[in-house]
Every structure is written in C-alpha cells, then in structure tokens.
Protein backbone atom coordinates (compact mmCIF):
# COMPACT_ATOMS: atom_id res chain seq x y z
CA MET A 1 20.30 2.15 19.66
CA VAL A 2 17.29 4.08 18.34
CA THR A 3 14.90 5.40 20.94
CA ALA A 4 11.45 6.87 20.50
CA ALA A 5 12.85 10.30 21.39
CA ASP A 6 15.54 10.15 18.69
CA PRO A 7 14.75 12.88 16.13
CA TRP A 8 16.73 11.09 13.38
CA GLN A 9 15.08 7.70 13.52
CA GLY A 10 13.60 7.09 10.04
CA HIS A 11 11.91 3.72 9.47
CA ASP A 12 12.43 0.82 11.85
CA THR A 13 14.31 -1.78 9.82
CA THR A 14 12.76 -4.67 11.74
CA VAL A 15 9.27 -3.54 10.82
CA LEU A 16 10.39 -2.77 7.26
CA PHE A 17 11.78 -6.27 6.73
CA THR A 18 8.79 -7.90 8.44
CA VAL A 19 6.35 -6.09 6.16
CA LEU A 20 8.43 -7.03 3.11
CA LEU A 21 8.66 -10.68 4.17
CA VAL A 22 4.90 -10.93 4.76
CA ALA A 23 3.66 -8.81 1.85
CA THR A 24 5.77 -10.41 -0.89
CA PRO A 25 4.42 -13.97 -0.51
CA SER A 26 0.93 -12.52 -0.04
CA LEU A 27 1.25 -10.71 -3.36
CA VAL A 28 2.51 -13.86 -5.08
CA ALA A 29 -0.39 -15.88 -3.65
CA LEU A 30 -2.93 -13.26 -4.75
CA LEU A 31 -1.49 -13.21 -8.26
CA ALA A 32 -1.47 -17.01 -8.45
CA TYR A 33 -5.12 -17.11 -7.37
CA LEU A 34 -6.12 -14.42 -9.87
CA CYS A 35 -4.32 -16.28 -12.67
CA SER A 36 -6.23 -19.42 -11.75
CA ARG A 37 -9.48 -17.54 -12.36
CA PHE A 38 -8.65 -17.38 -16.09
CA THR A 39 -8.45 -21.14 -16.57
CA GLY A 40 -11.03 -23.08 -18.56
CA ARG A 41 -12.15 -24.91 -15.43
CA ALA A 42 -13.08 -21.66 -13.64
CA ARG A 43 -14.95 -20.13 -16.61
CA PRO A 44 -18.29 -22.02 -16.23
CA HIS A 45 -18.53 -21.02 -12.56
CA ARG A 46 -18.16 -17.30 -13.25
CA THR A 47 -20.94 -15.15 -11.78
CA PRO A 48 -21.17 -11.37 -11.49
CA ALA A 49 -20.45 -11.59 -7.75
CA ARG A 50 -17.29 -13.64 -8.40
CA VAL A 51 -16.13 -11.27 -11.14
CA TRP A 52 -16.47 -8.31 -8.79
CA ARG A 53 -14.66 -10.26 -6.07
CA ASP A 54 -11.80 -10.86 -8.49
CA VAL A 55 -11.77 -7.17 -9.47
CA SER A 56 -11.53 -6.31 -5.79
CA LEU A 57 -8.67 -8.78 -5.28
CA ALA A 58 -6.86 -7.48 -8.36
CA ALA A 59 -7.08 -3.93 -7.00
CA ALA A 60 -5.79 -5.15 -3.62
CA ALA A 61 -2.89 -6.89 -5.38
CA ALA A 62 -2.11 -3.69 -7.30
CA GLY A 63 -2.14 -1.72 -4.05
CA LEU A 64 0.14 -4.24 -2.40
CA ALA A 65 2.55 -4.09 -5.35
CA VAL A 66 2.68 -0.27 -5.24
CA TYR A 67 3.27 -0.31 -1.47
CA LEU A 68 6.06 -2.86 -1.87
CA TRP A 69 7.63 -0.67 -4.54
CA GLY A 70 7.68 2.25 -2.11
CA LEU A 71 9.16 0.03 0.61
CA LEU A 72 11.94 -1.07 -1.74
CA ASP A 73 12.85 2.57 -2.31
CA LEU A 74 13.30 2.93 1.44
CA LEU A 75 15.12 -0.38 1.83
CA PHE A 76 17.88 0.40 -0.64
CA LEU A 77 18.77 3.73 0.97
CA GLY A 78 20.78 3.63 4.16
CA ASP A 79 20.75 6.31 6.83
CA GLN A 80 23.51 8.27 5.11
CA GLU A 81 21.69 8.33 1.76
CA GLN A 82 18.42 9.32 3.46
CA ALA A 83 20.21 12.20 5.20
CA GLN A 84 21.68 13.28 1.87
CA GLU A 85 18.19 13.27 0.29
CA CYS A 86 16.90 15.44 3.15
CA GLU A 87 19.79 17.87 2.64
CA ARG A 88 19.33 17.91 -1.13
CA HIS A 89 15.62 18.79 -0.96
CA LYS A 90 15.58 21.16 2.03
CA PRO A 91 14.25 24.69 1.52
CA ASP A 92 16.85 27.47 1.18
CA GLY A 93 18.18 28.61 4.54
CA ALA A 94 16.32 25.89 6.46
CA VAL A 95 17.97 23.92 9.26
CA LEU A 96 17.16 20.22 9.52
CA VAL A 97 16.25 19.08 13.02
CA GLY A 98 14.98 15.55 12.47
CA ARG A 99 13.77 12.77 10.26
CA ARG A 100 10.98 10.26 10.78
CA GLY A 101 9.54 7.39 8.82
CA ASP A 102 5.83 6.71 8.49
CA PHE A 103 4.40 3.46 7.15
CA VAL A 104 0.87 4.84 6.62
CA PRO A 105 1.07 6.94 4.53
CA LEU A 106 4.38 5.60 3.32
CA ARG A 107 6.91 8.40 3.51
CA LEU A 108 10.23 9.59 4.88
CA VAL A 109 9.68 12.99 6.46
CA CYS A 110 12.46 15.51 6.96
CA GLU A 111 11.69 18.05 9.70
CA VAL A 112 12.89 21.67 9.59
CA ALA A 113 13.56 23.94 12.59
CA ASP A 114 10.62 26.28 11.81
CA GLY A 115 8.13 23.40 12.21
CA ARG A 116 7.68 22.57 8.54
CA ASP A 117 8.40 19.18 7.09
CA TYR A 118 8.69 17.58 3.65
CA SER A 119 8.78 14.08 2.22
CA VAL A 120 11.66 12.53 0.29
CA VAL A 121 12.70 9.16 -1.18
CA VAL A 122 9.26 7.56 -1.64
CA PRO A 123 7.96 8.45 -5.13
CA GLY A 124 5.11 10.95 -5.07
CA TYR A 125 2.73 8.64 -6.93
CA VAL A 126 2.82 5.81 -4.34
CA ASN A 127 0.32 7.12 -1.78
CA PRO A 128 -2.25 8.58 -4.23
CA THR A 129 -2.15 5.40 -6.33
CA LEU A 130 -2.52 3.31 -3.21
CA THR A 131 -5.56 5.34 -2.16
CA VAL A 132 -7.26 4.95 -5.54
CA VAL A 133 -6.72 1.18 -5.82
CA LEU A 134 -7.80 0.57 -2.22
CA VAL A 135 -11.03 2.53 -2.80
CA LEU A 136 -11.56 0.43 -5.94
CA ALA A 137 -10.93 -2.73 -3.89
CA LEU A 138 -13.50 -1.68 -1.29
CA LEU A 139 -16.08 -0.80 -3.94
CA GLY A 140 -15.49 -4.11 -5.71
CA ALA A 141 -15.88 -6.00 -2.44
CA ALA A 142 -19.09 -4.12 -1.61
CA VAL A 143 -20.60 -4.79 -5.05
CA SER A 144 -19.57 -8.45 -4.82
CA ALA A 145 -21.15 -8.82 -1.37
CA PHE A 146 -24.35 -7.12 -2.56
CA LEU A 147 -24.62 -9.34 -5.66
CA HIS A 148 -23.85 -12.45 -3.65
CA HIS A 149 -26.49 -11.58 -1.06
CA ARG A 150 -29.05 -10.83 -3.77
CA GLN A 151 -28.24 -14.11 -5.52
CA ARG A 152 -28.60 -16.14 -2.31
CA THR A 153 -31.78 -14.45 -1.08
CA PRO A 154 -34.89 -15.94 -2.73
CA ALA A 155 -37.27 -13.45 -4.30
CA GLN A 156 -40.41 -13.13 -2.22
CA LYS A 157 -43.70 -13.07 -4.12
CA LYS A 158 -46.65 -11.09 -2.88
CA GLY A 159 -49.96 -12.69 -3.39
C-alpha cells in the first residue's frame, strides 16, 4: 500500500488511468468536431469569431495530445523501470532518497539526499509545448469572445 508519507510513491496509477480514460475520448471528440468544421456545410457559416474559436480548440486538442503522450511514457514504465531511470540519471556520488510523480507539470521527480531533485522519463519537450499551446488556446478563446461580442453588439450612432 502506498501512503502519502512514502518517499518512493511516483504517480498514482488510479489517477493515471482515470486521466487517460477521460482525456482520450475527449481528444477524439475534439478532433471529430474540428474535422466537421472543414465540411462544405460548415463553410458558409464561417465567421472570424468561429475561426478563432476553432483555432483555440485546435490548440487545446494539441495540448491534450502532448499531455497524453507524456502520460503514456509514464504508463509503460513500471516501478522498477522508473527506479532504474532515476539511478541512470543521478548525479555522480548522489544518494537517492525518494521519487514522486507530479501531474502538473507532468514529471517524475527523483529526489537526492542533498535536497536536489531532477526529472526523468517524461520527455523534456512535453511541458514547454503544453505551455505554448495552452497560451495559444487562451488567446484564441479571448479573440473569439471579443469578436463575437463585437459582432453581437449593435453599433451606436451619435447624433
């Protein structure tokens, strides 16, 4: 049994599988929706606000895909393989004292006796890429909301 005080706990497999089981169908649904936006029936209804909304959703889908990729790296390594990765990448002369898994940012952290720690297993590009595409998603959503509000608000004439 893994307790909160266990220094070698890594990622909780229940949470890991739950996130994978929720995020995968969400990604498929987002991709199906985005593909539907390229049909001939959707083309006449395209407005700048809707285009920016779709850009925002595409960035969110890209972020979800990158996060899932990082989760799959963690899923396919058992405790023994994770311990081996910590040993393989530890600084010279360092003594490992623990391992913890973080979901945000996604990483497996190996802790050393002198208080330092380092990340292993999750590719180094996952978290920076996730940050960039989520910022793009937020900007796209903000531009879409602004354009939608401007489109719906009638222009007031002074006179």
